[in-house]
Amino acid sequence: MPTLDEILQRLDANLSYYDTGVPSFFCEEHVVSERDHGPRKEDDTVTDSVFRLKRTSNLDHTTTLVESREIKTVDGKPATSQDMDGPTMLSGAFEGGLAVVSLKQAACTNYTLQRIHKNRRADPYIVRFATVLTPQNTAGCLLQESSKGRVFIDPASMQITHLELNTPHHTITPGDRYRSPFIGERVITVDYVPVLLGGKTFWMPSTIALRVTSGSGTFHKIVWSFRASYRNYHKLEVESRIVPGFKKPAR
């Protein structure tokens, strides 16, 4: 069994491969979301979108991976807005989810390797993590709130296949001069699968689930949740062709 440092180095190499090599792509996104307001529960909302991850060039010659989506239908009807309802929406799972457990985050996150039985070699490696945020290191931390969780790593490919992230005191909605911040618990899970893009394999989310529960100070406990699934990944390519010019016949 590899050491924790060896696993983190391998995950760093995987992250670098993804960050530098993943092409712009699009895929189908299917989201089922719901709200539970204590004594009453609202009907589920089903949203189908085209999700895109675009590699964008910066002035300093670096590139940024930018997430976006185009909502096509809501509950089976054509979308009239590009706003997804909810007090909190998840973004960054494609760009930053794989970076939660990495050497780059070791300055503000504690990692521990969970031992597995020696006679069960097919079992995944499990790395647990917990943030250690201070005024000195928070600016460079991917997770800006105190959080904990774990990742499951396939021993054959050394790729992260499952991520669990728990933020006990998540800022659901920020406060202002008239009201205090709305705080609650947030739980995120992500499952990753290998996807072929441009002749190369990258590990992408197949499902993302999020659950936010309101904390103390609310009359009724309020729960927001959604489960998103992703499929039919395609490399985003721009095709062009030259159209032969039309020559006007001479008179």
Protein backbone atom coordinates (compact mmCIF):
# COMPACT_ATOMS: atom_id res chain seq x y z
CA MET A 1 0.00 0.00 0.00
CA PRO A 2 1.45 3.41 -0.92
CA THR A 3 2.11 6.05 1.71
CA LEU A 4 -0.03 9.16 2.08
CA ASP A 5 2.72 11.29 0.53
CA GLU A 6 2.97 8.98 -2.47
CA ILE A 7 -0.79 9.15 -2.98
CA LEU A 8 -0.80 12.96 -2.76
CA GLN A 9 2.04 13.17 -5.30
CA ARG A 10 0.12 10.93 -7.70
CA LEU A 11 -3.06 12.98 -7.24
CA ASP A 12 -1.04 16.12 -7.93
CA ALA A 13 0.20 14.62 -11.19
CA ASN A 14 -3.38 13.70 -12.13
CA LEU A 15 -4.53 17.23 -11.32
CA SER A 16 -1.77 18.77 -13.44
CA TYR A 17 -2.69 16.46 -16.35
CA TYR A 18 -6.31 17.57 -16.07
CA ASP A 19 -5.61 21.30 -15.63
CA THR A 20 -3.21 21.51 -18.56
CA GLY A 21 -4.82 19.03 -20.92
CA VAL A 22 -8.59 18.93 -20.56
CA PRO A 23 -10.15 20.52 -23.66
CA SER A 24 -13.22 22.70 -23.77
CA PHE A 25 -16.25 20.40 -23.74
CA PHE A 26 -20.01 20.21 -23.32
CA CYS A 27 -22.35 17.56 -21.97
CA GLU A 28 -25.95 16.96 -20.93
CA GLU A 29 -26.87 18.01 -17.40
CA HIS A 30 -30.03 16.66 -15.73
CA VAL A 31 -30.90 18.16 -12.33
CA VAL A 32 -33.66 17.17 -9.92
CA SER A 33 -34.02 19.70 -7.10
CA GLU A 34 -36.43 20.07 -4.18
CA ARG A 35 -37.23 22.23 -1.18
CA ASP A 36 -38.64 21.00 2.11
CA HIS A 37 -40.02 23.81 4.29
CA GLY A 38 -40.74 21.96 7.52
CA PRO A 39 -44.47 21.08 7.46
CA ARG A 40 -44.76 21.43 3.69
CA LYS A 41 -42.72 20.05 0.82
CA GLU A 42 -42.58 21.61 -2.60
CA ASP A 43 -42.72 19.53 -5.75
CA ASP A 44 -39.47 18.49 -7.38
CA THR A 45 -38.12 20.69 -10.16
CA VAL A 46 -36.48 18.94 -13.11
CA THR A 47 -34.04 20.98 -15.18
CA ASP A 48 -32.25 19.86 -18.35
CA SER A 49 -29.32 21.91 -19.58
CA VAL A 50 -26.25 21.89 -21.76
CA PHE A 51 -23.27 22.20 -19.43
CA ARG A 52 -20.02 23.65 -20.80
CA LEU A 53 -16.47 23.89 -19.53
CA LYS A 54 -14.48 26.32 -21.66
CA ARG A 55 -10.73 26.85 -21.57
CA THR A 56 -10.26 30.64 -21.67
CA SER A 57 -6.94 32.40 -22.32
CA ASN A 58 -5.82 35.18 -19.97
CA LEU A 59 -3.62 38.20 -20.66
CA ASP A 60 -0.75 36.65 -18.67
CA HIS A 61 -0.75 33.65 -21.06
CA THR A 62 -2.40 31.36 -18.48
CA THR A 63 -5.75 29.67 -19.01
CA THR A 64 -8.84 29.47 -16.85
CA LEU A 65 -11.52 26.77 -16.94
CA VAL A 66 -14.88 28.55 -16.99
CA GLU A 67 -18.12 26.69 -16.22
CA SER A 68 -21.45 27.70 -17.75
CA ARG A 69 -24.77 26.16 -18.68
CA GLU A 70 -27.64 26.80 -21.04
CA ILE A 71 -30.95 25.76 -19.53
CA LYS A 72 -33.13 24.09 -22.16
CA THR A 73 -36.21 22.86 -20.27
CA VAL A 74 -37.73 23.13 -16.80
CA ASP A 75 -40.21 20.38 -15.86
CA GLY A 76 -40.34 19.39 -19.52
CA LYS A 77 -41.26 22.86 -20.79
CA PRO A 78 -38.99 25.31 -22.66
CA ALA A 79 -37.01 27.44 -20.22
CA THR A 80 -38.10 31.07 -19.86
CA SER A 81 -35.09 32.05 -17.73
CA GLN A 82 -31.45 31.07 -17.32
CA ASP A 83 -31.64 31.38 -13.52
CA MET A 84 -31.73 28.14 -11.55
CA ASP A 85 -33.91 28.50 -8.47
CA GLY A 86 -32.32 28.00 -5.07
CA PRO A 87 -30.41 29.80 -2.32
CA THR A 88 -27.19 28.05 -3.21
CA MET A 89 -25.88 26.44 -6.38
CA LEU A 90 -22.77 24.35 -6.77
CA SER A 91 -20.03 25.43 -9.12
CA GLY A 92 -16.39 24.49 -9.40
CA ALA A 93 -16.78 20.70 -9.11
CA PHE A 94 -15.30 20.26 -12.60
CA GLU A 95 -12.47 22.74 -12.11
CA GLY A 96 -11.67 22.42 -8.39
CA GLY A 97 -13.22 19.22 -7.09
CA LEU A 98 -10.15 17.13 -7.86
CA ALA A 99 -7.91 19.71 -6.15
CA VAL A 100 -9.48 19.33 -2.69
CA VAL A 101 -6.97 16.58 -1.87
CA SER A 102 -3.61 17.67 -3.24
CA LEU A 103 -0.17 18.84 -2.15
CA LYS A 104 -1.15 22.39 -3.13
CA GLN A 105 -3.79 22.41 -0.37
CA ALA A 106 -1.60 20.81 2.30
CA ALA A 107 -0.85 24.22 3.84
CA CYS A 108 -4.46 24.59 4.98
CA THR A 109 -5.77 21.01 5.06
CA ASN A 110 -4.88 17.99 7.20
CA TYR A 111 -4.88 14.63 5.39
CA THR A 112 -4.98 11.16 6.92
CA LEU A 113 -4.84 7.81 5.10
CA GLN A 114 -7.40 5.24 6.20
CA ARG A 115 -5.94 1.78 6.41
CA ILE A 116 -7.45 -1.09 4.44
CA HIS A 117 -7.27 -4.86 4.91
CA LYS A 118 -4.18 -6.37 3.30
CA ASN A 119 -6.16 -9.22 1.73
CA ARG A 120 -8.55 -6.86 -0.06
CA ARG A 121 -6.36 -5.21 -2.68
CA ALA A 122 -9.29 -4.11 -4.81
CA ASP A 123 -10.63 -1.86 -2.05
CA PRO A 124 -10.18 1.86 -2.71
CA TYR A 125 -7.69 3.96 -0.84
CA ILE A 126 -9.52 6.45 1.39
CA VAL A 127 -8.00 9.80 2.34
CA ARG A 128 -9.79 11.84 4.98
CA PHE A 129 -9.32 15.59 5.16
CA ALA A 130 -10.17 18.53 7.40
CA THR A 131 -9.42 22.18 6.80
CA VAL A 132 -7.10 24.12 9.10
CA LEU A 133 -7.84 27.74 8.24
CA THR A 134 -5.87 30.63 9.66
CA PRO A 135 -5.70 34.35 8.79
CA GLN A 136 -2.32 33.64 7.18
CA ASN A 137 -3.29 30.78 4.85
CA THR A 138 -6.99 31.23 4.06
CA ALA A 139 -6.43 33.37 0.95
CA GLY A 140 -4.71 30.47 -0.82
CA CYS A 141 -7.18 27.81 0.28
CA LEU A 142 -9.63 26.23 -2.11
CA LEU A 143 -12.11 25.69 0.74
CA GLN A 144 -12.85 29.02 2.39
CA GLU A 145 -15.06 27.57 5.16
CA SER A 146 -14.20 25.00 7.82
CA SER A 147 -14.96 21.65 6.19
CA LYS A 148 -14.16 17.96 6.37
CA GLY A 149 -14.66 14.92 4.18
CA ARG A 150 -12.98 12.09 2.35
CA VAL A 151 -12.08 10.86 -1.12
CA PHE A 152 -12.05 7.33 -2.51
CA ILE A 153 -9.16 6.50 -4.85
CA ASP A 154 -9.07 3.61 -7.31
CA PRO A 155 -5.84 1.66 -6.59
CA ALA A 156 -5.38 0.66 -10.25
CA SER A 157 -5.63 4.10 -11.86
CA MET A 158 -4.92 6.19 -8.73
CA GLN A 159 -7.81 8.44 -9.74
CA ILE A 160 -10.39 9.92 -7.37
CA THR A 161 -13.69 8.12 -7.94
CA HIS A 162 -15.78 9.61 -5.11
CA LEU A 163 -15.69 12.81 -3.05
CA GLU A 164 -17.61 13.63 0.13
CA LEU A 165 -17.50 17.15 1.56
CA ASN A 166 -19.24 18.40 4.69
CA THR A 167 -19.37 22.06 5.74
CA PRO A 168 -21.21 22.25 9.10
CA HIS A 169 -21.59 26.04 9.11
CA HIS A 170 -21.99 27.04 5.47
CA THR A 171 -23.05 30.57 4.55
CA ILE A 172 -26.21 29.87 2.56
CA THR A 173 -26.98 33.54 1.94
CA PRO A 174 -24.67 36.38 3.04
CA GLY A 175 -25.90 39.01 5.44
CA ASP A 176 -26.20 42.74 4.89
CA ARG A 177 -26.90 45.82 6.98
CA TYR A 178 -30.50 44.72 7.53
CA ARG A 179 -30.15 41.01 8.23
CA SER A 180 -27.69 38.43 9.53
CA PRO A 181 -26.14 35.74 7.33
CA PHE A 182 -28.20 32.58 6.83
CA ILE A 183 -26.07 29.68 8.07
CA GLY A 184 -26.65 25.94 7.66
CA GLU A 185 -25.01 22.58 6.98
CA ARG A 186 -23.92 21.71 3.43
CA VAL A 187 -23.13 18.19 2.25
CA ILE A 188 -21.72 17.53 -1.23
CA THR A 189 -20.97 14.20 -2.90
CA VAL A 190 -19.42 13.73 -6.34
CA ASP A 191 -18.89 10.52 -8.32
CA TYR A 192 -16.25 10.54 -11.07
CA VAL A 193 -15.93 8.31 -14.15
CA PRO A 194 -13.40 8.16 -17.01
CA VAL A 195 -14.42 10.09 -20.14
CA LEU A 196 -12.65 10.07 -23.52
CA LEU A 197 -12.16 13.54 -25.03
CA GLY A 198 -9.92 14.25 -28.00
CA GLY A 199 -8.29 10.86 -27.75
CA LYS A 200 -7.35 11.33 -24.06
CA THR A 201 -9.03 10.07 -20.89
CA PHE A 202 -10.13 12.48 -18.16
CA TRP A 203 -12.09 11.74 -14.99
CA MET A 204 -15.32 13.73 -14.95
CA PRO A 205 -18.33 13.95 -12.62
CA SER A 206 -21.12 11.51 -13.43
CA THR A 207 -23.31 12.62 -10.52
CA ILE A 208 -23.19 15.54 -8.11
CA ALA A 209 -25.49 15.71 -5.09
CA LEU A 210 -25.90 18.68 -2.75
CA ARG A 211 -27.95 19.05 0.42
CA VAL A 212 -28.23 22.22 2.50
CA THR A 213 -30.05 22.24 5.84
CA SER A 214 -30.89 25.47 7.65
CA GLY A 215 -29.39 25.89 11.11
CA SER A 216 -30.72 27.31 14.33
CA GLY A 217 -32.69 30.53 14.25
CA THR A 218 -35.27 29.37 11.68
CA PHE A 219 -38.87 28.66 12.64
CA HIS A 220 -38.93 25.47 10.59
CA LYS A 221 -36.00 23.44 9.38
CA ILE A 222 -35.56 24.10 5.67
CA VAL A 223 -33.80 21.66 3.37
CA TRP A 224 -32.66 22.42 -0.18
CA SER A 225 -31.21 19.59 -2.24
CA PHE A 226 -30.45 18.59 -5.78
CA ARG A 227 -28.96 15.69 -7.67
CA ALA A 228 -27.31 16.36 -11.01
CA SER A 229 -26.26 13.73 -13.54
CA TYR A 230 -23.91 14.26 -16.51
CA ARG A 231 -23.61 12.25 -19.69
CA ASN A 232 -22.74 12.44 -23.40
CA TYR A 233 -19.52 14.36 -23.06
CA HIS A 234 -18.22 15.92 -26.28
CA LYS A 235 -15.18 18.01 -27.07
CA LEU A 236 -16.19 21.56 -27.92
CA GLU A 237 -14.90 22.24 -31.41
CA VAL A 238 -15.49 25.03 -33.85
CA GLU A 239 -15.75 23.87 -37.44
CA SER A 240 -15.37 26.13 -40.44
CA ARG A 241 -15.39 25.54 -44.17
CA ILE A 242 -14.61 27.61 -47.21
CA VAL A 243 -17.58 28.21 -49.48
CA PRO A 244 -16.57 28.56 -53.15
CA GLY A 245 -17.23 32.02 -54.50
CA PHE A 246 -20.03 32.54 -56.98
CA LYS A 247 -18.89 34.07 -60.23
CA LYS A 248 -21.51 36.07 -62.01
CA PRO A 249 -21.75 35.00 -65.67
CA ALA A 250 -20.63 37.57 -68.24
CA ARG A 251 -23.29 39.15 -70.41
